[in-house]
PDB file of N, CA and C in Angstrom:
ATOM      1  N   MET A   1      98.323  57.947 163.775  1.00  0.00           N
ATOM      2  CA  MET A   1      98.621  58.209 162.212  1.00  0.00           C
ATOM      3  C   MET A   1     100.217  59.111 162.516  1.00  0.00           C
ATOM      4  N   GLY A   2     100.836  59.021 163.462  1.00  0.00           N
ATOM      5  CA  GLY A   2     101.975  59.787 163.944  1.00  0.00           C
ATOM      6  C   GLY A   2     102.104  60.976 163.871  1.00  0.00           C
ATOM      7  N   GLY A   3     103.216  61.366 164.397  1.00  0.00           N
ATOM      8  CA  GLY A   3     103.414  62.650 164.986  1.00  0.00           C
ATOM      9  C   GLY A   3     103.658  63.566 163.932  1.00  0.00           C
ATOM     10  N   ALA A   4     104.104  63.431 162.854  1.00  0.00           N
ATOM     11  CA  ALA A   4     104.434  64.290 161.426  1.00  0.00           C
ATOM     12  C   ALA A   4     102.885  64.611 161.279  1.00  0.00           C
ATOM     13  N   PHE A   5     101.895  63.716 160.891  1.00  0.00           N
ATOM     14  CA  PHE A   5     100.584  63.878 160.924  1.00  0.00           C
ATOM     15  C   PHE A   5      99.772  64.861 161.767  1.00  0.00           C
ATOM     16  N   VAL A   6     100.134  64.722 162.652  1.00  0.00           N
ATOM     17  CA  VAL A   6      99.517  65.727 163.940  1.00  0.00           C
ATOM     18  C   VAL A   6      99.703  66.955 163.585  1.00  0.00           C
ATOM     19  N   ALA A   7     101.330  67.216 163.731  1.00  0.00           N
ATOM     20  CA  ALA A   7     102.122  68.435 163.457  1.00  0.00           C
ATOM     21  C   ALA A   7     101.682  69.317 162.155  1.00  0.00           C
ATOM     22  N   ARG A   8     101.301  68.488 160.947  1.00  0.00           N
ATOM     23  CA  ARG A   8     101.050  68.950 159.818  1.00  0.00           C
ATOM     24  C   ARG A   8      99.466  69.337 159.922  1.00  0.00           C
ATOM     25  N   THR A   9      98.817  68.497 160.604  1.00  0.00           N
ATOM     26  CA  THR A   9      97.368  68.773 160.708  1.00  0.00           C
ATOM     27  C   THR A   9      96.952  70.196 161.219  1.00  0.00           C
ATOM     28  N   PHE A  10      98.066  70.261 162.529  1.00  0.00           N
ATOM     29  CA  PHE A  10      97.689  71.591 163.455  1.00  0.00           C
ATOM     30  C   PHE A  10      98.213  72.897 162.641  1.00  0.00           C
ATOM     31  N   VAL A  11      99.177  72.500 161.877  1.00  0.00           N
ATOM     32  CA  VAL A  11      99.423  74.017 160.835  1.00  0.00           C
ATOM     33  C   VAL A  11      98.265  74.279 159.820  1.00  0.00           C
ATOM     34  N   ALA A  12      97.848  73.156 159.245  1.00  0.00           N
ATOM     35  CA  ALA A  12      96.930  73.267 158.378  1.00  0.00           C
ATOM     36  C   ALA A  12      95.346  73.854 158.747  1.00  0.00           C
ATOM     37  N   VAL A  13      95.094  73.211 160.099  1.00  0.00           N
ATOM     38  CA  VAL A  13      93.773  73.721 160.757  1.00  0.00           C
ATOM     39  C   VAL A  13      94.065  75.432 161.305  1.00  0.00           C
ATOM     40  N   SER A  14      95.409  75.560 161.775  1.00  0.00           N
ATOM     41  CA  SER A  14      95.470  76.819 162.175  1.00  0.00           C
ATOM     42  C   SER A  14      95.737  78.052 160.968  1.00  0.00           C
ATOM     43  N   LEU A  15      96.149  77.485 159.709  1.00  0.00           N
ATOM     44  CA  LEU A  15      96.339  78.398 158.831  1.00  0.00           C
ATOM     45  C   LEU A  15      94.950  78.544 158.256  1.00  0.00           C
ATOM     46  N   VAL A  16      93.957  77.500 157.952  1.00  0.00           N
ATOM     47  CA  VAL A  16      92.563  77.730 157.893  1.00  0.00           C
ATOM     48  C   VAL A  16      91.728  78.632 158.434  1.00  0.00           C
ATOM     49  N   SER A  17      92.262  78.541 159.881  1.00  0.00           N
ATOM     50  CA  SER A  17      91.515  79.343 160.660  1.00  0.00           C
ATOM     51  C   SER A  17      91.800  80.931 160.524  1.00  0.00           C
ATOM     52  N   LEU A  18      93.152  81.003 160.546  1.00  0.00           N
ATOM     53  CA  LEU A  18      93.377  82.373 159.866  1.00  0.00           C
ATOM     54  C   LEU A  18      92.944  83.218 158.895  1.00  0.00           C
ATOM     55  N   PHE A  19      93.256  82.305 157.762  1.00  0.00           N
ATOM     56  CA  PHE A  19      93.015  82.945 156.589  1.00  0.00           C
ATOM     57  C   PHE A  19      90.946  83.136 156.497  1.00  0.00           C
ATOM     58  N   SER A  20      90.396  82.152 156.981  1.00  0.00           N
ATOM     59  CA  SER A  20      89.004  82.040 157.290  1.00  0.00           C
ATOM     60  C   SER A  20      88.553  83.629 157.767  1.00  0.00           C
ATOM     61  N   ARG A  21      89.582  84.000 158.787  1.00  0.00           N
ATOM     62  CA  ARG A  21      89.385  85.329 159.556  1.00  0.00           C
ATOM     63  C   ARG A  21      89.474  86.450 158.699  1.00  0.00           C
ATOM     64  N   LEU A  22      90.651  86.345 157.896  1.00  0.00           N
ATOM     65  CA  LEU A  22      91.366  87.435 157.204  1.00  0.00           C
ATOM     66  C   LEU A  22      90.376  87.675 155.638  1.00  0.00           C
ATOM     67  N   THR A  23      90.189  86.613 155.485  1.00  0.00           N
ATOM     68  CA  THR A  23      89.328  86.522 153.876  1.00  0.00           C
ATOM     69  C   THR A  23      88.414  87.742 153.479  1.00  0.00           C
ATOM     70  N   SER A  24      87.553  87.874 154.733  1.00  0.00           N
ATOM     71  CA  SER A  24      86.168  88.716 154.788  1.00  0.00           C
ATOM     72  C   SER A  24      86.973  90.119 154.485  1.00  0.00           C
ATOM     73  N   GLU A  25      88.178  90.605 155.002  1.00  0.00           N
ATOM     74  CA  GLU A  25      88.709  91.900 154.955  1.00  0.00           C
ATOM     75  C   GLU A  25      89.474  92.060 153.621  1.00  0.00           C
ATOM     76  N   TRP A  26      89.887  91.227 153.216  1.00  0.00           N
ATOM     77  CA  TRP A  26      90.935  91.266 151.965  1.00  0.00           C
ATOM     78  C   TRP A  26      89.904  90.919 150.569  1.00  0.00           C
ATOM     79  N   VAL A  27      88.887  90.434 150.713  1.00  0.00           N
ATOM     80  CA  VAL A  27      87.971  90.129 149.320  1.00  0.00           C
ATOM     81  C   VAL A  27      86.694  90.575 149.785  1.00  0.00           C
ATOM     82  N   THR A  28      86.075  91.290 148.662  1.00  0.00           N
ATOM     83  CA  THR A  28      84.766  91.441 148.212  1.00  0.00           C
ATOM     84  C   THR A  28      84.247  91.400 147.128  1.00  0.00           C
ATOM     85  N   PHE A  29      82.964  90.879 147.062  1.00  0.00           N
ATOM     86  CA  PHE A  29      82.339  91.110 145.766  1.00  0.00           C
ATOM     87  C   PHE A  29      81.219  91.901 145.609  1.00  0.00           C
ATOM     88  N   ALA A  30      81.242  92.595 144.606  1.00  0.00           N
ATOM     89  CA  ALA A  30      80.094  93.707 144.282  1.00  0.00           C
ATOM     90  C   ALA A  30      78.650  92.816 143.941  1.00  0.00           C
ATOM     91  N   GLN A  31      79.136  91.438 143.030  1.00  0.00           N
ATOM     92  CA  GLN A  31      78.057  90.624 142.391  1.00  0.00           C
ATOM     93  C   GLN A  31      78.478  89.100 142.490  1.00  0.00           C
ATOM     94  N   LEU A  32      77.741  88.584 143.093  1.00  0.00           N
ATOM     95  CA  LEU A  32      78.086  86.901 142.841  1.00  0.00           C
ATOM     96  C   LEU A  32      77.212  85.964 142.524  1.00  0.00           C
ATOM     97  N   ASP A  33      77.057  85.392 141.682  1.00  0.00           N
ATOM     98  CA  ASP A  33      76.165  84.297 141.251  1.00  0.00           C
ATOM     99  C   ASP A  33      75.992  83.292 142.116  1.00  0.00           C
ATOM    100  N   ALA A  34      75.092  82.646 143.109  1.00  0.00           N
ATOM    101  CA  ALA A  34      75.416  81.660 144.077  1.00  0.00           C
ATOM    102  C   ALA A  34      75.405  80.063 143.524  1.00  0.00           C
ATOM    103  N   THR A  35      75.105  80.043 142.474  1.00  0.00           N
ATOM    104  CA  THR A  35      75.316  78.639 141.915  1.00  0.00           C
ATOM    105  C   THR A  35      77.132  78.568 141.367  1.00  0.00           C
ATOM    106  N   TYR A  36      77.546  79.660 141.005  1.00  0.00           N
ATOM    107  CA  TYR A  36      78.837  79.892 140.309  1.00  0.00           C
ATOM    108  C   TYR A  36      79.659  79.472 141.717  1.00  0.00           C
ATOM    109  N   ALA A  37      79.327  80.501 142.850  1.00  0.00           N
ATOM    110  CA  ALA A  37      80.071  80.662 144.168  1.00  0.00           C
ATOM    111  C   ALA A  37      80.019  79.059 144.837  1.00  0.00           C
ATOM    112  N   ALA A  38      79.179  78.119 144.594  1.00  0.00           N
ATOM    113  CA  ALA A  38      78.964  77.115 145.000  1.00  0.00           C
ATOM    114  C   ALA A  38      80.035  76.255 144.601  1.00  0.00           C
ATOM    115  N   VAL A  39      79.779  76.074 142.884  1.00  0.00           N
ATOM    116  CA  VAL A  39      80.641  75.216 142.317  1.00  0.00           C
ATOM    117  C   VAL A  39      82.101  75.555 142.655  1.00  0.00           C
ATOM    118  N   MET A  40      82.736  76.961 142.468  1.00  0.00           N
ATOM    119  CA  MET A  40      83.975  77.582 142.747  1.00  0.00           C
ATOM    120  C   MET A  40      84.406  77.105 144.189  1.00  0.00           C
ATOM    121  N   ALA A  41      83.685  77.348 145.257  1.00  0.00           N
ATOM    122  CA  ALA A  41      84.112  76.856 146.032  1.00  0.00           C
ATOM    123  C   ALA A  41      84.366  75.493 146.832  1.00  0.00           C
ATOM    124  N   GLY A  42      83.275  74.606 146.080  1.00  0.00           N
ATOM    125  CA  GLY A  42      83.611  73.227 146.337  1.00  0.00           C
ATOM    126  C   GLY A  42      84.643  72.752 145.393  1.00  0.00           C
ATOM    127  N   ALA A  43      84.935  73.329 144.220  1.00  0.00           N
ATOM    128  CA  ALA A  43      86.200  72.865 143.451  1.00  0.00           C
ATOM    129  C   ALA A  43      87.511  73.321 144.310  1.00  0.00           C
ATOM    130  N   LEU A  44      87.844  74.614 144.717  1.00  0.00           N
ATOM    131  CA  LEU A  44      88.872  75.600 145.278  1.00  0.00           C
ATOM    132  C   LEU A  44      89.279  74.323 146.521  1.00  0.00           C
ATOM    133  N   CYS A  45      87.976  74.035 147.224  1.00  0.00           N
ATOM    134  CA  CYS A  45      88.152  73.388 148.484  1.00  0.00           C
ATOM    135  C   CYS A  45      88.510  71.969 148.442  1.00  0.00           C
ATOM    136  N   GLY A  46      88.059  71.458 147.339  1.00  0.00           N
ATOM    137  CA  GLY A  46      88.518  70.212 146.920  1.00  0.00           C
ATOM    138  C   GLY A  46      89.984  70.228 146.249  1.00  0.00           C
ATOM    139  N   VAL A  47      90.368  70.962 145.646  1.00  0.00           N
ATOM    140  CA  VAL A  47      91.623  70.746 145.338  1.00  0.00           C
ATOM    141  C   VAL A  47      93.037  70.735 146.505  1.00  0.00           C
ATOM    142  N   GLY A  48      92.320  72.093 147.293  1.00  0.00           N
ATOM    143  CA  GLY A  48      93.110  72.292 148.392  1.00  0.00           C
ATOM    144  C   GLY A  48      92.986  71.034 149.338  1.00  0.00           C
ATOM    145  N   MET A  49      92.113  70.226 149.743  1.00  0.00           N
ATOM    146  CA  MET A  49      91.919  69.433 150.566  1.00  0.00           C
ATOM    147  C   MET A  49      92.611  68.157 149.732  1.00  0.00           C
ATOM    148  N   LEU A  50      92.458  68.221 148.391  1.00  0.00           N
ATOM    149  CA  LEU A  50      93.535  66.985 147.832  1.00  0.00           C
ATOM    150  C   LEU A  50      94.845  67.184 148.000  1.00  0.00           C
ATOM    151  N   MET A  51      95.471  68.118 147.883  1.00  0.00           N
ATOM    152  CA  MET A  51      96.614  68.869 148.231  1.00  0.00           C
ATOM    153  C   MET A  51      97.058  68.322 149.787  1.00  0.00           C
ATOM    154  N   LEU A  52      96.451  68.429 150.745  1.00  0.00           N
ATOM    155  CA  LEU A  52      96.854  68.216 152.185  1.00  0.00           C
ATOM    156  C   LEU A  52      96.229  66.847 152.189  1.00  0.00           C
ATOM    157  N   PHE A  53      95.608  65.896 151.534  1.00  0.00           N
ATOM    158  CA  PHE A  53      95.266  64.405 151.824  1.00  0.00           C
ATOM    159  C   PHE A  53      96.819  63.990 151.209  1.00  0.00           C
ATOM    160  N   ARG A  54      97.045  64.029 149.796  1.00  0.00           N
ATOM    161  CA  ARG A  54      98.280  63.442 149.170  1.00  0.00           C
ATOM    162  C   ARG A  54      99.405  64.143 150.128  1.00  0.00           C
ATOM    163  N   HIS A  55      99.398  64.725 151.013  1.00  0.00           N
ATOM    164  CA  HIS A  55     100.608  65.226 151.761  1.00  0.00           C
ATOM    165  C   HIS A  55     100.550  64.623 153.393  1.00  0.00           C
ATOM    166  N   ARG A  56      99.652  63.873 153.390  1.00  0.00           N
ATOM    167  CA  ARG A  56      98.836  63.146 154.790  1.00  0.00           C
ATOM    168  C   ARG A  56      98.875  64.103 155.813  1.00  0.00           C
ATOM    169  N   THR A  57      97.807  64.957 155.440  1.00  0.00           N
ATOM    170  CA  THR A  57      97.349  66.128 156.337  1.00  0.00           C
ATOM    171  C   THR A  57      96.060  66.201 156.069  1.00  0.00           C
ATOM    172  N   GLY A  58      95.396  66.501 157.635  1.00  0.00           N
ATOM    173  CA  GLY A  58      93.936  66.669 157.726  1.00  0.00           C
ATOM    174  C   GLY A  58      93.682  68.103 158.084  1.00  0.00           C
ATOM    175  N   LEU A  59      92.227  68.182 158.022  1.00  0.00           N
ATOM    176  CA  LEU A  59      91.768  69.308 158.615  1.00  0.00           C
ATOM    177  C   LEU A  59      90.678  69.066 160.001  1.00  0.00           C
ATOM    178  N   GLY A  60      90.865  67.946 160.324  1.00  0.00           N
ATOM    179  CA  GLY A  60      90.222  67.586 161.462  1.00  0.00           C
ATOM    180  C   GLY A  60      88.992  66.400 161.554  1.00  0.00           C
ATOM    181  N   GLY A  61      88.495  66.065 162.192  1.00  0.00           N
ATOM    182  CA  GLY A  61      87.168  65.240 161.922  1.00  0.00           C
ATOM    183  C   GLY A  61      87.332  64.201 161.201  1.00  0.00           C
ATOM    184  N   ILE A  62      86.123  64.305 160.554  1.00  0.00           N
ATOM    185  CA  ILE A  62      86.026  63.732 159.414  1.00  0.00           C
ATOM    186  C   ILE A  62      86.960  63.188 158.138  1.00  0.00           C
ATOM    187  N   ASN A  63      87.626  64.241 158.167  1.00  0.00           N
ATOM    188  CA  ASN A  63      88.661  64.401 157.175  1.00  0.00           C
ATOM    189  C   ASN A  63      90.231  63.151 157.432  1.00  0.00           C
ATOM    190  N   ILE A  64      90.143  63.140 159.152  1.00  0.00           N
ATOM    191  CA  ILE A  64      91.254  62.531 159.543  1.00  0.00           C
ATOM    192  C   ILE A  64      90.538  60.686 159.365  1.00  0.00           C
ATOM    193  N   LEU A  65      89.108  60.877 159.692  1.00  0.00           N
ATOM    194  CA  LEU A  65      88.350  59.606 159.698  1.00  0.00           C
ATOM    195  C   LEU A  65      88.697  58.773 158.214  1.00  0.00           C
ATOM    196  N   ALA A  66      88.407  59.999 156.928  1.00  0.00           N
ATOM    197  CA  ALA A  66      88.512  59.284 155.769  1.00  0.00           C
ATOM    198  C   ALA A  66      89.880  58.896 155.189  1.00  0.00           C
ATOM    199  N   ILE A  67      90.939  59.795 155.806  1.00  0.00           N
ATOM    200  CA  ILE A  67      92.307  59.587 155.359  1.00  0.00           C
ATOM    201  C   ILE A  67      92.642  57.890 155.891  1.00  0.00           C
ATOM    202  N   PHE A  68      92.174  58.089 156.943  1.00  0.00           N
ATOM    203  CA  PHE A  68      92.500  56.631 157.919  1.00  0.00           C
ATOM    204  C   PHE A  68      91.934  55.396 157.197  1.00  0.00           C
ATOM    205  N   LEU A  69      90.649  55.680 156.889  1.00  0.00           N
ATOM    206  CA  LEU A  69      89.571  54.762 155.961  1.00  0.00           C
ATOM    207  C   LEU A  69      90.440  54.270 154.753  1.00  0.00           C
ATOM    208  N   GLN A  70      90.756  55.413 154.260  1.00  0.00           N
ATOM    209  CA  GLN A  70      91.174  54.891 152.649  1.00  0.00           C
ATOM    210  C   GLN A  70      92.636  54.174 153.243  1.00  0.00           C
ATOM    211  N   GLU A  71      93.476  54.663 153.850  1.00  0.00           N
ATOM    212  CA  GLU A  71      94.970  53.985 154.185  1.00  0.00           C
ATOM    213  C   GLU A  71      94.490  52.788 154.629  1.00  0.00           C
ATOM    214  N   ASN A  72      93.917  52.286 155.517  1.00  0.00           N
ATOM    215  CA  ASN A  72      93.749  51.140 156.161  1.00  0.00           C
ATOM    216  C   ASN A  72      92.798  50.111 155.733  1.00  0.00           C
ATOM    217  N   LEU A  73      91.538  50.611 154.963  1.00  0.00           N
ATOM    218  CA  LEU A  73      90.553  49.995 154.771  1.00  0.00           C
ATOM    219  C   LEU A  73      90.171  49.841 153.241  1.00  0.00           C
ATOM    220  N   GLY A  74      91.147  50.697 152.387  1.00  0.00           N
ATOM    221  CA  GLY A  74      90.926  50.957 151.219  1.00  0.00           C
ATOM    222  C   GLY A  74      89.393  51.502 150.882  1.00  0.00           C
ATOM    223  N   LEU A  75      88.714  52.239 151.568  1.00  0.00           N
ATOM    224  CA  LEU A  75      87.802  52.961 151.425  1.00  0.00           C
ATOM    225  C   LEU A  75      87.809  54.231 150.843  1.00  0.00           C
ATOM    226  N   ARG A  76      87.449  54.644 149.422  1.00  0.00           N
ATOM    227  CA  ARG A  76      87.906  55.834 149.108  1.00  0.00           C
ATOM    228  C   ARG A  76      87.577  57.324 150.049  1.00  0.00           C
ATOM    229  N   ALA A  77      88.730  58.214 150.264  1.00  0.00           N
ATOM    230  CA  ALA A  77      88.042  59.034 151.143  1.00  0.00           C
ATOM    231  C   ALA A  77      87.256  59.982 150.549  1.00  0.00           C
ATOM    232  N   GLY A  78      87.118  60.419 149.360  1.00  0.00           N
ATOM    233  CA  GLY A  78      85.860  61.393 148.798  1.00  0.00           C
ATOM    234  C   GLY A  78      84.669  60.734 148.932  1.00  0.00           C
ATOM    235  N   TYR A  79      84.917  59.277 148.647  1.00  0.00           N
ATOM    236  CA  TYR A  79      83.092  58.801 148.790  1.00  0.00           C
ATOM    237  C   TYR A  79      82.756  58.927 150.282  1.00  0.00           C
ATOM    238  N   PHE A  80      83.376  58.358 151.182  1.00  0.00           N
ATOM    239  CA  PHE A  80      83.393  58.501 152.330  1.00  0.00           C
ATOM    240  C   PHE A  80      82.818  59.657 152.871  1.00  0.00           C
ATOM    241  N   GLN A  81      83.712  60.777 153.092  1.00  0.00           N
ATOM    242  CA  GLN A  81      83.302  62.136 152.988  1.00  0.00           C
ATOM    243  C   GLN A  81      82.130  62.562 152.497  1.00  0.00           C
ATOM    244  N   LEU A  82      81.758  62.283 151.252  1.00  0.00           N
ATOM    245  CA  LEU A  82      80.810  62.435 150.481  1.00  0.00           C
ATOM    246  C   LEU A  82      79.402  62.188 150.996  1.00  0.00           C
ATOM    247  N   ALA A  83      79.331  60.786 151.725  1.00  0.00           N
ATOM    248  CA  ALA A  83      78.392  60.314 152.686  1.00  0.00           C
ATOM    249  C   ALA A  83      78.003  60.997 153.905  1.00  0.00           C
ATOM    250  N   VAL A  84      79.027  61.252 154.371  1.00  0.00           N
ATOM    251  CA  VAL A  84      78.973  62.005 155.868  1.00  0.00           C
ATOM    252  C   VAL A  84      78.216  63.391 155.637  1.00  0.00           C
ATOM    253  N   ASP A  85      78.784  63.778 154.227  1.00  0.00           N
ATOM    254  CA  ASP A  85      78.590  65.474 153.982  1.00  0.00           C
ATOM    255  C   ASP A  85      77.078  65.714 153.615  1.00  0.00           C
ATOM    256  N   LEU A  86      76.676  64.523 152.751  1.00  0.00           N
ATOM    257  CA  LEU A  86      75.319  64.431 152.680  1.00  0.00           C
ATOM    258  C   LEU A  86      74.337  64.125 153.601  1.00  0.00           C
ATOM    259  N   ALA A  87      74.960  63.068 154.543  1.00  0.00           N
ATOM    260  CA  ALA A  87      73.709  63.053 155.693  1.00  0.00           C
ATOM    261  C   ALA A  87      73.754  63.906 156.762  1.00  0.00           C
ATOM    262  N   ILE A  88      74.692  64.840 156.739  1.00  0.00           N
ATOM    263  CA  ILE A  88      74.644  66.208 157.457  1.00  0.00           C
ATOM    264  C   ILE A  88      73.476  67.353 156.989  1.00  0.00           C
ATOM    265  N   LEU A  89      73.992  67.192 155.687  1.00  0.00           N
ATOM    266  CA  LEU A  89      72.961  68.313 155.092  1.00  0.00           C
ATOM    267  C   LEU A  89      71.582  67.763 154.810  1.00  0.00           C
ATOM    268  N   SER A  90      71.497  66.399 154.875  1.00  0.00           N
ATOM    269  CA  SER A  90      69.961  65.962 155.131  1.00  0.00           C
ATOM    270  C   SER A  90      69.277  66.149 156.180  1.00  0.00           C
ATOM    271  N   VAL A  91      70.061  66.627 157.449  1.00  0.00           N
ATOM    272  CA  VAL A  91      69.429  67.105 158.669  1.00  0.00           C
ATOM    273  C   VAL A  91      69.246  68.606 158.459  1.00  0.00           C
ATOM    274  N   ALA A  92      70.028  69.268 157.526  1.00  0.00           N
ATOM    275  CA  ALA A  92      69.895  70.539 157.531  1.00  0.00           C
ATOM    276  C   ALA A  92      68.651  71.122 157.002  1.00  0.00           C
ATOM    277  N   PHE A  93      67.980  70.345 156.350  1.00  0.00           N
ATOM    278  CA  PHE A  93      66.797  70.600 155.587  1.00  0.00           C
ATOM    279  C   PHE A  93      65.873  71.587 156.465  1.00  0.00           C
ATOM    280  N   VAL A  94      66.015  70.967 157.842  1.00  0.00           N
ATOM    281  CA  VAL A  94      65.174  71.864 158.849  1.00  0.00           C
ATOM    282  C   VAL A  94      65.379  73.454 158.995  1.00  0.00           C
ATOM    283  N   ILE A  95      66.458  73.579 158.817  1.00  0.00           N
ATOM    284  CA  ILE A  95      67.215  74.855 158.993  1.00  0.00           C
ATOM    285  C   ILE A  95      67.232  75.707 157.884  1.00  0.00           C
ATOM    286  N   LEU A  96      67.554  75.212 156.754  1.00  0.00           N
ATOM    287  CA  LEU A  96      67.932  75.917 155.418  1.00  0.00           C
ATOM    288  C   LEU A  96      66.667  76.053 154.224  1.00  0.00           C
ATOM    289  N   ALA A  97      66.888  77.232 153.898  1.00  0.00           N
ATOM    290  CA  ALA A  97      65.808  77.319 152.807  1.00  0.00           C
ATOM    291  C   ALA A  97      66.143  76.240 151.588  1.00  0.00           C
ATOM    292  N   PRO A  98      65.243  75.605 150.635  1.00  0.00           N
ATOM    293  CA  PRO A  98      65.538  74.695 149.941  1.00  0.00           C
ATOM    294  C   PRO A  98      66.593  75.204 148.789  1.00  0.00           C
ATOM    295  N   ASP A  99      66.532  76.064 148.365  1.00  0.00           N
ATOM    296  CA  ASP A  99      67.711  76.825 147.330  1.00  0.00           C
ATOM    297  C   ASP A  99      69.192  76.672 147.896  1.00  0.00           C
ATOM    298  N   ARG A 100      69.294  77.121 149.428  1.00  0.00           N
ATOM    299  CA  ARG A 100      70.657  77.174 149.940  1.00  0.00           C
ATOM    300  C   ARG A 100      70.846  75.644 150.295  1.00  0.00           C
ATOM    301  N   LEU A 101      70.114  74.966 150.453  1.00  0.00           N
ATOM    302  CA  LEU A 101      70.306  73.684 150.495  1.00  0.00           C
ATOM    303  C   LEU A 101      70.732  72.847 149.673  1.00  0.00           C
ATOM    304  N   LEU A 102      70.255  73.137 148.362  1.00  0.00           N
ATOM    305  CA  LEU A 102      70.674  72.432 146.978  1.00  0.00           C
ATOM    306  C   LEU A 102      71.855  73.001 146.532  1.00  0.00           C
ATOM    307  N   LEU A 103      72.263  74.315 146.985  1.00  0.00           N
ATOM    308  CA  LEU A 103      73.562  74.673 146.784  1.00  0.00           C
ATOM    309  C   LEU A 103      74.696  74.182 147.419  1.00  0.00           C
ATOM    310  N   SER A 104      74.236  73.696 148.980  1.00  0.00           N
ATOM    311  CA  SER A 104      75.142  73.356 149.764  1.00  0.00           C
ATOM    312  C   SER A 104      75.803  72.058 149.135  1.00  0.00           C
ATOM    313  N   VAL A 105      74.380  71.191 149.069  1.00  0.00           N
ATOM    314  CA  VAL A 105      74.899  69.779 148.349  1.00  0.00           C
ATOM    315  C   VAL A 105      75.652  69.672 146.969  1.00  0.00           C
ATOM    316  N   LEU A 106      75.330  70.622 146.248  1.00  0.00           N
ATOM    317  CA  LEU A 106      76.086  70.652 145.060  1.00  0.00           C
ATOM    318  C   LEU A 106      77.866  71.063 145.572  1.00  0.00           C
ATOM    319  N   SER A 107      77.722  72.090 146.159  1.00  0.00           N
ATOM    320  CA  SER A 107      79.360  72.158 146.690  1.00  0.00           C
ATOM    321  C   SER A 107      80.225  70.983 147.146  1.00  0.00           C
ATOM    322  N   ALA A 108      79.185  70.720 147.814  1.00  0.00           N
ATOM    323  CA  ALA A 108      79.863  69.338 148.865  1.00  0.00           C
ATOM    324  C   ALA A 108      80.160  68.172 147.666  1.00  0.00           C
ATOM    325  N   THR A 109      79.039  67.962 146.903  1.00  0.00           N
ATOM    326  CA  THR A 109      79.481  66.845 145.835  1.00  0.00           C
ATOM    327  C   THR A 109      80.640  67.318 144.941  1.00  0.00           C
ATOM    328  N   VAL A 110      80.875  68.634 144.330  1.00  0.00           N
ATOM    329  CA  VAL A 110      81.750  69.127 143.616  1.00  0.00           C
ATOM    330  C   VAL A 110      83.230  68.616 144.520  1.00  0.00           C
ATOM    331  N   LEU A 111      83.084  69.390 145.746  1.00  0.00           N
ATOM    332  CA  LEU A 111      84.403  68.897 146.782  1.00  0.00           C
ATOM    333  C   LEU A 111      84.839  67.572 146.385  1.00  0.00           C
ATOM    334  N   ASN A 112      83.941  66.540 146.998  1.00  0.00           N
ATOM    335  CA  ASN A 112      84.156  65.124 147.461  1.00  0.00           C
ATOM    336  C   ASN A 112      84.243  64.425 146.214  1.00  0.00           C
ATOM    337  N   LEU A 113      83.729  64.816 144.917  1.00  0.00           N
ATOM    338  CA  LEU A 113      84.024  64.392 143.876  1.00  0.00           C
ATOM    339  C   LEU A 113      85.683  64.589 143.587  1.00  0.00           C
ATOM    340  N   ILE A 114      85.888  65.376 143.277  1.00  0.00           N
ATOM    341  CA  ILE A 114      87.283  65.928 143.456  1.00  0.00           C
ATOM    342  C   ILE A 114      88.362  64.813 144.063  1.00  0.00           C
ATOM    343  N   LEU A 115      87.934  65.109 145.188  1.00  0.00           N
ATOM    344  CA  LEU A 115      88.986  64.033 146.295  1.00  0.00           C
ATOM    345  C   LEU A 115      88.577  62.497 145.519  1.00  0.00           C
ATOM    346  N   ALA A 116      87.574  62.149 145.393  1.00  0.00           N
ATOM    347  CA  ALA A 116      87.211  60.385 145.169  1.00  0.00           C
ATOM    348  C   ALA A 116      87.734  60.133 143.953  1.00  0.00           C
ATOM    349  N   VAL A 117      87.762  61.148 142.936  1.00  0.00           N
ATOM    350  CA  VAL A 117      88.715  60.867 141.364  1.00  0.00           C
ATOM    351  C   VAL A 117      89.942  60.625 141.750  1.00  0.00           C
ATOM    352  N   ASN A 118      90.529  61.931 142.212  1.00  0.00           N
ATOM    353  CA  ASN A 118      91.616  62.115 142.110  1.00  0.00           C
ATOM    354  C   ASN A 118      92.820  61.630 143.363  1.00  0.00           C
ATOM    355  N   HIS A 119      92.133  61.229 144.360  1.00  0.00           N
ATOM    356  CA  HIS A 119      93.103  60.788 145.482  1.00  0.00           C
ATOM    357  C   HIS A 119      92.690  59.333 145.753  1.00  0.00           C
ATOM    358  N   ARG A 120      93.514  58.562 145.176  1.00  0.00           N
ATOM    359  CA  ARG A 120      93.488  56.902 145.169  1.00  0.00           C
ATOM    360  C   ARG A 120      94.520  56.393 145.296  1.00  0.00           C
ATOM    361  N   PRO A 121      94.802  55.321 145.872  1.00  0.00           N
ATOM    362  CA  PRO A 121      95.818  54.466 146.326  1.00  0.00           C
ATOM    363  C   PRO A 121      96.655  54.210 145.106  1.00  0.00           C
ATOM    364  N   GLY A 122      97.838  54.483 145.312  1.00  0.00           N
ATOM    365  CA  GLY A 122      98.615  54.244 143.733  1.00  0.00           C
ATOM    366  C   GLY A 122      98.782  55.303 143.415  1.00  0.00           C
ATOM    367  N   ARG A 123      98.088  56.613 143.611  1.00  0.00           N
ATOM    368  CA  ARG A 123      98.661  57.988 142.595  1.00  0.00           C
ATOM    369  C   ARG A 123      99.529  58.597 143.572  1.00  0.00           C
ATOM    370  N   TYR A 124     100.117  60.051 143.066  1.00  0.00           N
ATOM    371  CA  TYR A 124     100.950  60.720 144.000  1.00  0.00           C
ATOM    372  C   TYR A 124     100.644  60.959 145.425  1.00  0.00           C
ATOM    373  N   LEU A 125     101.574  60.508 146.259  1.00  0.00           N
ATOM    374  CA  LEU A 125     101.667  60.570 147.656  1.00  0.00           C
ATOM    375  C   LEU A 125     102.896  61.202 148.008  1.00  0.00           C
ATOM    376  N   GLY A 126     102.727  62.472 148.259  1.00  0.00           N
ATOM    377  CA  GLY A 126     104.147  63.656 148.673  1.00  0.00           C
ATOM    378  C   GLY A 126     104.445  63.497 149.893  1.00  0.00           C
ATOM    379  N   VAL A 127     104.827  62.341 150.606  1.00  0.00           N
ATOM    380  CA  VAL A 127     105.133  62.347 151.822  1.00  0.00           C
ATOM    381  C   VAL A 127     106.500  62.739 152.311  1.00  0.00           C
ATOM    382  N   SER A 128     106.724  63.583 153.234  1.00  0.00           N
ATOM    383  CA  SER A 128     107.905  64.292 153.550  1.00  0.00           C
ATOM    384  C   SER A 128     108.508  63.445 154.796  1.00  0.00           C
TER     385      SER A 128
END
């Protein structure tokens, strides 16, 4: 997908790793409803990934495959990624409590529907 894609993806993965590490030191919550957190986390991640996808940047693994499939086969990245996420979560029922599994499904659904609805061929592509 090109050297520029690789470079942007490397920077994005590095920044996500850095901020994941630092966020727990910068942000605390005295109270947080789990359903609200699942929806907002899915929405924020979805919007962030939408920005990355529109600028031809991935976060590794499934993201890169989703972008590739959308660009080359016309398979919508959000729907593909939702299918993969739900397949992964279907195996997680062995480990996760049912309420946590449902929250994970909710969050993944919100995230990927934002991508599916907004990242389509012919829409904005901010390629530098």
